[in-house]
Amino acid sequence: MNQATSDLPVDLTEGDITRIQLGETEILLVGTAHISQESVDIVVSTIAAEKPDVVAVELDQERFDSMRSEQNWEDLDLLQIIKNKQLTFLLARLALGSFQKRMGGHTGVKPGAEMAAAIDAAEADQMGVELIDRNIRTTLLRAWRTTAWWKRAELVMALMLGVFQKGEVNEEELSDLREMENISTILDQLGEEMPDVKKVLVDERDTYMAYKLANIDAKKVVAVVGAAHKPGILRQIREQISDEHMTTIDTVPPKGSWGKALTWLFPVLVVGLFVWGFFNADATQLKNAALAWILANGIFAALGTAIALAHPLTIIAAFIAAPITSLHPGIGAGMVTALVQTLVAGPKVGDFQTIGDDISSWKGWWTNRLGRVLLVFIFSGMGSSLGTFVALGWLKNLI
């Protein structure tokens, strides 16, 4: 691995900067920790010393806009997010952001500060800026849809545990994490535990960024990427990555036909039991089964909504909606209750601005109005699912 030039700070570790020559283009690949002041200093000093034509950063357009726009939260249309069935995506983004922000609190550095510093330095000297990462929505959706369904619960649990993890980190530990051998060990462990997730979150993005870097038309490029991506980029940047492969990894795979069939299997089974009961069971059995379906779904969904301290109208909506939405996989009880809660007691601008800090504690989920909408979405859905299985005890009597 090549050492940085002599006019760069002498305290740079060997693994932080790698100089690559691709034809007429020289690339300085800088591996960073996203919450490290040392990484910020290295990025700024490298750009100042090298004076590149282009600064490339591990961002996509959506994250770039979010970073640069102070009004980003105010512009968020929560109702549209619910209608577009993107609450789960928002929850994942908030969980990841909360974890990074809390870790950054230990070092006093805002997550992604080195990316912002790189952009500021480039714009100050009128250098080009290239966004080389894949769209965050594509990445998260690919991670979800390519993960086996029995592994998804593990993925969600890991994500939520990260929100409440209380571990601290300092600059010395972050420096150790940027060492190539330590990164390789961590990635190997992730690959063993969650190979599908590691492939999408790390490997595919390595490929994507290597391709983007190799196709930048400039004499000199300083590329700022998370240290975890540096080994993969170095392995692939000289390879011939086809346009076809890039299209594949930049596309959200459709839901599998088996997955679609399974989501309709249970509703069809329930309706089939009622049809069977209508023709074969006595009127009392059919009445009791219908009443059990309504009460079990409605009560458990309403109970879950009440645990989230939802508005009374939202609790009533949960009771009414759950018996119906349980028969349609495309409309969950959580969607209905989240929509009602947003309409009658929706979050204010301040709730959006503090959500990252608030959800790092249990209490914050309930005190922040946006957090409460998310709790309503989760708990009402869980209650409805539990009620559905409870109701099956009565439905089986129709046979």
Protein backbone atom coordinates (compact mmCIF):
# COMPACT_ATOMS: atom_id res chain seq x y z
CA MET A 1 0.00 0.00 0.00
CA ASN A 2 1.41 3.41 -0.93
CA GLN A 3 2.20 5.97 1.76
CA ALA A 4 0.60 9.41 1.57
CA THR A 5 2.67 12.28 0.18
CA SER A 6 5.13 13.97 2.51
CA ASP A 7 3.18 17.23 2.68
CA LEU A 8 0.22 15.45 4.27
CA PRO A 9 -0.02 15.30 8.09
CA VAL A 10 2.56 12.88 9.47
CA ASP A 11 0.05 11.28 11.85
CA LEU A 12 -1.92 9.66 9.02
CA THR A 13 -1.96 5.91 9.43
CA GLU A 14 -0.98 3.77 6.46
CA GLY A 15 -4.50 2.48 5.99
CA ASP A 16 -6.21 5.86 5.77
CA ILE A 17 -5.06 6.88 2.28
CA THR A 18 -4.26 4.74 -0.72
CA ARG A 19 -3.02 6.23 -3.97
CA ILE A 20 -4.32 4.56 -7.14
CA GLN A 21 -3.31 5.24 -10.73
CA LEU A 22 -5.99 4.37 -13.31
CA GLY A 23 -4.71 5.35 -16.71
CA GLU A 24 -4.49 9.14 -16.70
CA THR A 25 -6.48 9.43 -13.46
CA GLU A 26 -4.91 9.46 -10.02
CA ILE A 27 -7.27 8.54 -7.18
CA LEU A 28 -6.57 9.06 -3.50
CA LEU A 29 -8.91 6.75 -1.63
CA VAL A 30 -9.47 7.98 1.92
CA GLY A 31 -11.03 5.53 4.39
CA THR A 32 -12.89 7.21 7.24
CA ALA A 33 -14.98 6.65 10.34
CA HIS A 34 -18.20 8.60 10.04
CA ILE A 35 -18.08 10.01 13.60
CA SER A 36 -14.36 10.73 13.90
CA GLN A 37 -12.82 14.18 14.16
CA GLU A 38 -9.53 12.67 13.03
CA SER A 39 -11.22 11.55 9.82
CA VAL A 40 -12.58 15.06 9.27
CA ASP A 41 -9.07 16.52 9.71
CA ILE A 42 -7.54 13.95 7.36
CA VAL A 43 -10.11 14.66 4.65
CA VAL A 44 -9.73 18.43 4.85
CA SER A 45 -5.91 18.33 4.89
CA THR A 46 -5.77 15.80 2.04
CA ILE A 47 -7.96 17.93 -0.21
CA ALA A 48 -5.96 21.05 0.67
CA ALA A 49 -2.63 19.33 -0.03
CA GLU A 50 -3.60 17.45 -3.20
CA LYS A 51 -5.88 20.06 -4.83
CA PRO A 52 -7.85 17.47 -6.84
CA ASP A 53 -10.05 18.23 -9.82
CA VAL A 54 -12.89 16.22 -8.27
CA VAL A 55 -13.87 15.20 -4.74
CA ALA A 56 -15.96 12.02 -4.64
CA VAL A 57 -18.01 11.18 -1.56
CA GLU A 58 -19.91 8.14 -0.30
CA LEU A 59 -23.31 9.77 -0.66
CA ASP A 60 -26.30 9.48 -2.96
CA GLN A 61 -28.45 12.40 -4.08
CA GLU A 62 -31.07 11.83 -1.41
CA ARG A 63 -28.58 11.83 1.48
CA PHE A 64 -26.72 14.77 -0.07
CA ASP A 65 -29.95 16.80 -0.23
CA SER A 66 -30.78 15.81 3.35
CA MET A 67 -27.35 16.91 4.53
CA ARG A 68 -27.49 20.26 2.75
CA SER A 69 -31.10 21.23 3.42
CA GLU A 70 -31.91 22.67 6.84
CA GLN A 71 -35.62 22.50 6.03
CA ASN A 72 -35.52 18.80 5.21
CA TRP A 73 -37.68 17.65 8.14
CA GLU A 74 -40.20 20.42 7.60
CA ASP A 75 -40.65 19.26 4.02
CA LEU A 76 -41.37 15.66 5.01
CA ASP A 77 -44.92 14.65 4.11
CA LEU A 78 -45.78 11.99 6.68
CA LEU A 79 -49.23 11.36 5.25
CA GLN A 80 -47.74 10.65 1.84
CA ILE A 81 -45.19 8.30 3.40
CA ILE A 82 -48.00 6.33 5.05
CA LYS A 83 -50.07 6.20 1.86
CA ASN A 84 -47.02 5.00 -0.10
CA LYS A 85 -46.40 2.25 2.49
CA GLN A 86 -42.97 3.66 3.37
CA LEU A 87 -43.27 3.85 7.16
CA THR A 88 -41.07 0.79 7.57
CA PHE A 89 -38.42 2.48 5.44
CA LEU A 90 -38.69 5.64 7.55
CA LEU A 91 -38.36 3.58 10.72
CA ALA A 92 -35.19 1.93 9.41
CA ARG A 93 -33.69 5.29 8.42
CA LEU A 94 -34.48 6.76 11.84
CA ALA A 95 -33.02 3.75 13.66
CA LEU A 96 -29.78 3.91 11.69
CA GLY A 97 -29.57 7.67 12.08
CA SER A 98 -30.24 7.52 15.81
CA PHE A 99 -27.49 4.96 16.33
CA GLN A 100 -24.96 7.02 14.38
CA LYS A 101 -25.97 10.24 16.10
CA ARG A 102 -25.61 8.71 19.55
CA MET A 103 -22.20 7.28 18.70
CA GLY A 104 -21.23 10.69 17.36
CA GLY A 105 -22.28 12.19 20.67
CA HIS A 106 -19.44 10.31 22.35
CA THR A 107 -16.84 11.91 20.07
CA GLY A 108 -18.56 15.28 19.60
CA VAL A 109 -18.72 14.75 15.84
CA LYS A 110 -21.91 14.78 13.77
CA PRO A 111 -22.35 11.58 11.71
CA GLY A 112 -21.08 12.13 8.18
CA ALA A 113 -19.14 15.24 9.19
CA GLU A 114 -16.19 14.15 7.05
CA MET A 115 -18.44 13.96 3.99
CA ALA A 116 -19.81 17.44 4.67
CA ALA A 117 -16.28 18.74 5.20
CA ALA A 118 -15.15 17.21 1.90
CA ILE A 119 -18.02 18.87 0.02
CA ASP A 120 -17.42 22.22 1.70
CA ALA A 121 -13.71 22.08 0.86
CA ALA A 122 -14.43 21.16 -2.76
CA GLU A 123 -17.01 23.91 -3.22
CA ALA A 124 -14.78 26.49 -1.55
CA ASP A 125 -12.05 25.86 -4.17
CA GLN A 126 -14.52 25.30 -7.03
CA MET A 127 -13.67 21.61 -7.40
CA GLY A 128 -16.11 19.14 -8.85
CA VAL A 129 -18.17 16.97 -6.50
CA GLU A 130 -19.24 13.43 -7.43
CA LEU A 131 -21.82 11.43 -5.47
CA ILE A 132 -20.73 7.81 -5.91
CA ASP A 133 -22.99 5.79 -3.60
CA ARG A 134 -26.15 3.92 -4.54
CA ASN A 135 -29.55 5.35 -3.62
CA ILE A 136 -30.32 4.56 0.02
CA ARG A 137 -33.86 3.40 -0.75
CA THR A 138 -32.58 0.94 -3.33
CA THR A 139 -30.03 -0.38 -0.86
CA LEU A 140 -32.49 -0.92 1.99
CA LEU A 141 -35.17 -2.45 -0.24
CA ARG A 142 -32.65 -4.80 -1.83
CA ALA A 143 -31.44 -5.81 1.63
CA TRP A 144 -35.00 -6.56 2.73
CA ARG A 145 -36.18 -8.39 -0.37
CA THR A 146 -33.05 -10.48 -0.88
CA THR A 147 -33.01 -11.61 2.77
CA ALA A 148 -34.77 -14.88 3.49
CA TRP A 149 -38.06 -14.26 5.30
CA TRP A 150 -36.95 -16.22 8.37
CA LYS A 151 -33.87 -13.97 8.62
CA ARG A 152 -35.83 -10.73 8.44
CA ALA A 153 -36.88 -10.86 12.10
CA GLU A 154 -33.21 -11.14 13.05
CA LEU A 155 -32.43 -8.14 10.87
CA VAL A 156 -35.20 -6.04 12.44
CA MET A 157 -34.10 -7.07 15.94
CA ALA A 158 -30.49 -6.11 15.24
CA LEU A 159 -31.65 -2.75 13.90
CA MET A 160 -33.81 -1.98 16.93
CA LEU A 161 -31.18 -3.13 19.44
CA GLY A 162 -28.79 -0.69 17.80
CA VAL A 163 -31.15 2.16 18.73
CA PHE A 164 -30.83 1.41 22.46
CA GLN A 165 -27.22 0.22 22.56
CA LYS A 166 -25.36 2.27 25.17
CA GLY A 167 -21.76 1.47 24.25
CA GLU A 168 -19.29 4.34 23.90
CA VAL A 169 -16.47 4.82 21.42
CA ASN A 170 -13.47 7.14 21.33
CA GLU A 171 -11.03 8.36 18.68
CA GLU A 172 -8.45 5.70 19.52
CA GLU A 173 -10.98 2.90 18.99
CA LEU A 174 -12.18 4.50 15.76
CA SER A 175 -8.59 4.66 14.53
CA ASP A 176 -8.20 0.93 15.27
CA LEU A 177 -11.41 0.19 13.39
CA ARG A 178 -10.04 1.90 10.28
CA GLU A 179 -7.14 -0.55 10.11
CA MET A 180 -7.58 -2.89 7.15
CA GLU A 181 -7.08 -6.13 9.11
CA ASN A 182 -9.70 -5.11 11.70
CA ILE A 183 -12.16 -4.15 8.97
CA SER A 184 -11.68 -7.50 7.24
CA THR A 185 -12.36 -9.35 10.49
CA ILE A 186 -15.58 -7.41 11.12
CA LEU A 187 -16.80 -7.92 7.55
CA ASP A 188 -16.02 -11.63 7.71
CA GLN A 189 -18.10 -11.93 10.88
CA LEU A 190 -20.99 -10.05 9.28
CA GLY A 191 -20.71 -12.30 6.22
CA GLU A 192 -20.99 -15.40 8.40
CA GLU A 193 -23.96 -14.16 10.43
CA MET A 194 -25.92 -12.33 7.71
CA PRO A 195 -24.45 -13.11 4.28
CA ASP A 196 -27.38 -11.68 2.30
CA VAL A 197 -27.33 -8.42 4.25
CA LYS A 198 -23.56 -8.08 3.97
CA LYS A 199 -23.74 -8.69 0.23
CA VAL A 200 -26.23 -5.83 -0.29
CA LEU A 201 -25.05 -3.32 2.31
CA VAL A 202 -21.33 -3.74 1.71
CA ASP A 203 -20.31 -5.83 -1.31
CA GLU A 204 -22.74 -4.39 -3.86
CA ARG A 205 -22.03 -0.85 -2.76
CA ASP A 206 -18.28 -1.54 -3.05
CA THR A 207 -18.89 -2.59 -6.65
CA TYR A 208 -21.12 0.42 -7.32
CA MET A 209 -18.60 2.91 -5.94
CA ALA A 210 -15.64 1.23 -7.66
CA TYR A 211 -17.46 1.56 -10.98
CA LYS A 212 -18.35 5.20 -10.34
CA LEU A 213 -14.79 6.07 -9.34
CA ALA A 214 -13.26 4.31 -12.33
CA ASN A 215 -15.47 6.32 -14.68
CA ILE A 216 -14.77 9.81 -13.33
CA ASP A 217 -13.19 11.93 -16.06
CA ALA A 218 -10.52 13.88 -14.16
CA LYS A 219 -6.78 14.01 -13.65
CA LYS A 220 -6.89 13.73 -9.88
CA VAL A 221 -9.67 12.57 -7.56
CA VAL A 222 -9.88 12.47 -3.78
CA ALA A 223 -12.50 9.86 -2.84
CA VAL A 224 -13.90 9.85 0.70
CA VAL A 225 -15.53 6.57 1.73
CA GLY A 226 -16.25 4.70 4.94
CA ALA A 227 -13.32 2.51 5.92
CA ALA A 228 -15.49 -0.62 5.64
CA HIS A 229 -15.82 -0.03 1.88
CA LYS A 230 -12.17 0.59 1.19
CA PRO A 231 -11.01 -3.07 0.87
CA GLY A 232 -13.82 -3.95 -1.54
CA ILE A 233 -13.28 -0.88 -3.68
CA LEU A 234 -9.55 -1.58 -3.91
CA ARG A 235 -10.25 -5.15 -5.02
CA GLN A 236 -12.63 -4.12 -7.80
CA ILE A 237 -11.60 -0.72 -9.06
CA ARG A 238 -9.31 -2.17 -11.74
CA GLU A 239 -11.85 -4.78 -12.83
CA GLN A 240 -14.13 -4.46 -15.84
CA ILE A 241 -17.54 -4.06 -14.20
CA SER A 242 -20.22 -4.37 -16.85
CA ASP A 243 -23.08 -1.94 -17.34
CA GLU A 244 -25.44 -4.90 -17.12
CA HIS A 245 -24.17 -5.82 -13.66
CA MET A 246 -24.50 -2.21 -12.54
CA THR A 247 -28.11 -2.17 -13.72
CA THR A 248 -28.78 -5.36 -11.76
CA ILE A 249 -27.42 -4.10 -8.45
CA ASP A 250 -29.10 -0.72 -8.93
CA THR A 251 -32.56 -2.25 -9.33
CA VAL A 252 -35.00 -3.20 -6.58
CA PRO A 253 -35.95 -6.85 -7.14
CA PRO A 254 -39.69 -7.48 -7.37
CA LYS A 255 -41.42 -9.47 -4.69
CA GLY A 256 -41.16 -13.15 -5.43
CA SER A 257 -44.23 -14.95 -6.73
CA TRP A 258 -44.09 -17.35 -3.78
CA GLY A 259 -44.02 -14.40 -1.38
CA LYS A 260 -47.06 -12.86 -3.02
CA ALA A 261 -48.90 -16.17 -2.93
CA LEU A 262 -48.12 -16.73 0.75
CA THR A 263 -49.44 -13.29 1.72
CA TRP A 264 -52.81 -14.19 0.21
CA LEU A 265 -52.85 -17.77 1.50
CA PHE A 266 -54.03 -16.94 5.01
CA PRO A 267 -56.85 -14.54 4.00
CA VAL A 268 -58.08 -17.07 1.45
CA LEU A 269 -58.00 -19.76 4.15
CA VAL A 270 -60.08 -17.62 6.54
CA VAL A 271 -62.63 -16.70 3.89
CA GLY A 272 -62.76 -20.36 2.86
CA LEU A 273 -63.56 -21.40 6.44
CA PHE A 274 -66.43 -18.92 6.60
CA VAL A 275 -67.79 -20.14 3.25
CA TRP A 276 -67.53 -23.73 4.45
CA GLY A 277 -69.28 -22.81 7.68
CA PHE A 278 -72.06 -21.02 5.83
CA PHE A 279 -72.97 -24.20 3.93
CA ASN A 280 -72.08 -26.86 6.51
CA ALA A 281 -72.08 -25.45 10.07
CA ASP A 282 -75.12 -24.40 12.07
CA ALA A 283 -76.05 -20.75 12.42
CA THR A 284 -74.82 -20.50 16.02
CA GLN A 285 -71.33 -21.76 15.15
CA LEU A 286 -71.11 -19.36 12.22
CA LYS A 287 -72.28 -16.42 14.35
CA ASN A 288 -69.80 -17.23 17.12
CA ALA A 289 -66.93 -17.56 14.65
CA ALA A 290 -67.76 -14.22 13.02
CA LEU A 291 -68.06 -12.53 16.42
CA ALA A 292 -64.76 -14.06 17.55
CA TRP A 293 -63.03 -12.82 14.40
CA ILE A 294 -64.27 -9.27 14.90
CA LEU A 295 -63.66 -9.10 18.64
CA ALA A 296 -60.26 -10.82 18.69
CA ASN A 297 -58.84 -8.74 15.85
CA GLY A 298 -60.44 -5.51 17.06
CA ILE A 299 -59.64 -5.85 20.76
CA PHE A 300 -55.99 -6.85 20.35
CA ALA A 301 -55.37 -4.19 17.71
CA ALA A 302 -57.04 -1.56 19.92
CA LEU A 303 -55.04 -2.77 22.92
CA GLY A 304 -51.78 -2.42 21.00
CA THR A 305 -52.80 1.05 19.89
CA ALA A 306 -53.67 2.01 23.46
CA ILE A 307 -50.25 0.82 24.67
CA ALA A 308 -48.78 3.31 22.22
CA LEU A 309 -50.87 6.00 24.01
CA ALA A 310 -52.66 6.83 20.81
CA HIS A 311 -55.53 9.28 20.47
CA PRO A 312 -58.94 7.77 21.41
CA LEU A 313 -60.12 8.09 17.81
CA THR A 314 -57.09 6.09 16.68
CA ILE A 315 -57.93 3.33 19.17
CA ILE A 316 -61.49 3.20 17.82
CA ALA A 317 -60.13 3.10 14.27
CA ALA A 318 -57.91 0.18 15.21
CA PHE A 319 -60.89 -1.79 16.52
CA ILE A 320 -62.93 -1.13 13.38
CA ALA A 321 -60.16 -1.62 10.84
CA ALA A 322 -58.35 -4.71 12.14
CA PRO A 323 -61.02 -7.34 11.32
CA ILE A 324 -61.12 -5.98 7.75
CA THR A 325 -57.43 -5.36 7.10
CA SER A 326 -56.55 -8.84 8.39
CA LEU A 327 -58.25 -10.15 5.26
CA HIS A 328 -56.21 -7.98 2.90
CA PRO A 329 -52.38 -8.35 2.92
CA GLY A 330 -51.95 -5.07 1.04
CA ILE A 331 -53.54 -2.96 3.79
CA GLY A 332 -52.36 -3.48 7.34
CA ALA A 333 -54.05 -2.25 10.50
CA GLY A 334 -50.89 -0.26 11.21
CA MET A 335 -51.32 1.77 8.04
CA VAL A 336 -54.86 2.77 9.02
CA THR A 337 -54.02 3.63 12.62
CA ALA A 338 -50.86 5.55 11.68
CA LEU A 339 -52.88 7.57 9.19
CA VAL A 340 -55.58 8.39 11.74
CA GLN A 341 -53.02 9.23 14.44
CA THR A 342 -51.22 11.58 12.05
CA LEU A 343 -54.49 13.32 11.19
CA VAL A 344 -55.75 13.80 14.76
CA ALA A 345 -52.47 14.18 16.70
CA GLY A 346 -49.71 14.43 14.14
CA PRO A 347 -46.11 15.44 14.84
CA LYS A 348 -44.93 19.04 14.86
CA VAL A 349 -41.72 20.36 13.28
CA GLY A 350 -39.97 20.08 16.64
CA ASP A 351 -40.80 16.37 16.84
CA PHE A 352 -39.08 15.76 13.50
CA GLN A 353 -36.05 17.76 14.56
CA THR A 354 -35.52 15.85 17.81
CA ILE A 355 -36.63 12.37 16.74
CA GLY A 356 -33.06 11.04 16.40
CA ASP A 357 -32.28 11.89 20.02
CA ASP A 358 -35.71 11.03 21.43
CA ILE A 359 -35.94 7.45 20.15
CA SER A 360 -32.62 6.53 21.76
CA SER A 361 -34.61 6.13 25.02
CA TRP A 362 -37.77 4.15 25.68
CA LYS A 363 -39.58 7.21 27.04
CA GLY A 364 -38.74 9.24 23.95
CA TRP A 365 -40.75 6.96 21.69
CA TRP A 366 -43.91 7.96 23.56
CA THR A 367 -43.16 11.65 24.19
CA ASN A 368 -42.17 12.43 20.60
CA ARG A 369 -45.28 12.60 18.40
CA LEU A 370 -43.53 11.08 15.40
CA GLY A 371 -42.21 8.30 17.60
CA ARG A 372 -45.74 7.71 18.83
CA VAL A 373 -47.05 7.43 15.26
CA LEU A 374 -44.42 4.77 14.63
CA LEU A 375 -45.39 2.95 17.83
CA VAL A 376 -49.04 3.04 16.78
CA PHE A 377 -48.02 1.56 13.43
CA ILE A 378 -46.02 -1.24 15.07
CA PHE A 379 -48.22 -2.14 18.05
CA SER A 380 -51.57 -2.05 16.26
CA GLY A 381 -50.16 -4.32 13.56
CA MET A 382 -48.78 -6.73 16.17
CA GLY A 383 -52.09 -6.69 18.03
CA SER A 384 -54.05 -7.41 14.88
CA SER A 385 -51.77 -10.34 14.02
CA LEU A 386 -52.13 -11.76 17.51
CA GLY A 387 -55.90 -11.36 17.36
CA THR A 388 -56.02 -13.19 14.04
CA PHE A 389 -54.34 -16.26 15.49
CA VAL A 390 -56.55 -16.15 18.59
CA ALA A 391 -59.64 -16.05 16.37
CA LEU A 392 -58.51 -19.20 14.58
CA GLY A 393 -59.45 -21.13 17.72
CA TRP A 394 -63.09 -20.37 16.97
CA LEU A 395 -62.83 -20.60 13.20
CA LYS A 396 -61.62 -24.20 13.37
CA ASN A 397 -64.96 -25.16 14.93
CA LEU A 398 -66.59 -24.45 11.59
CA ILE A 399 -64.96 -27.53 10.08
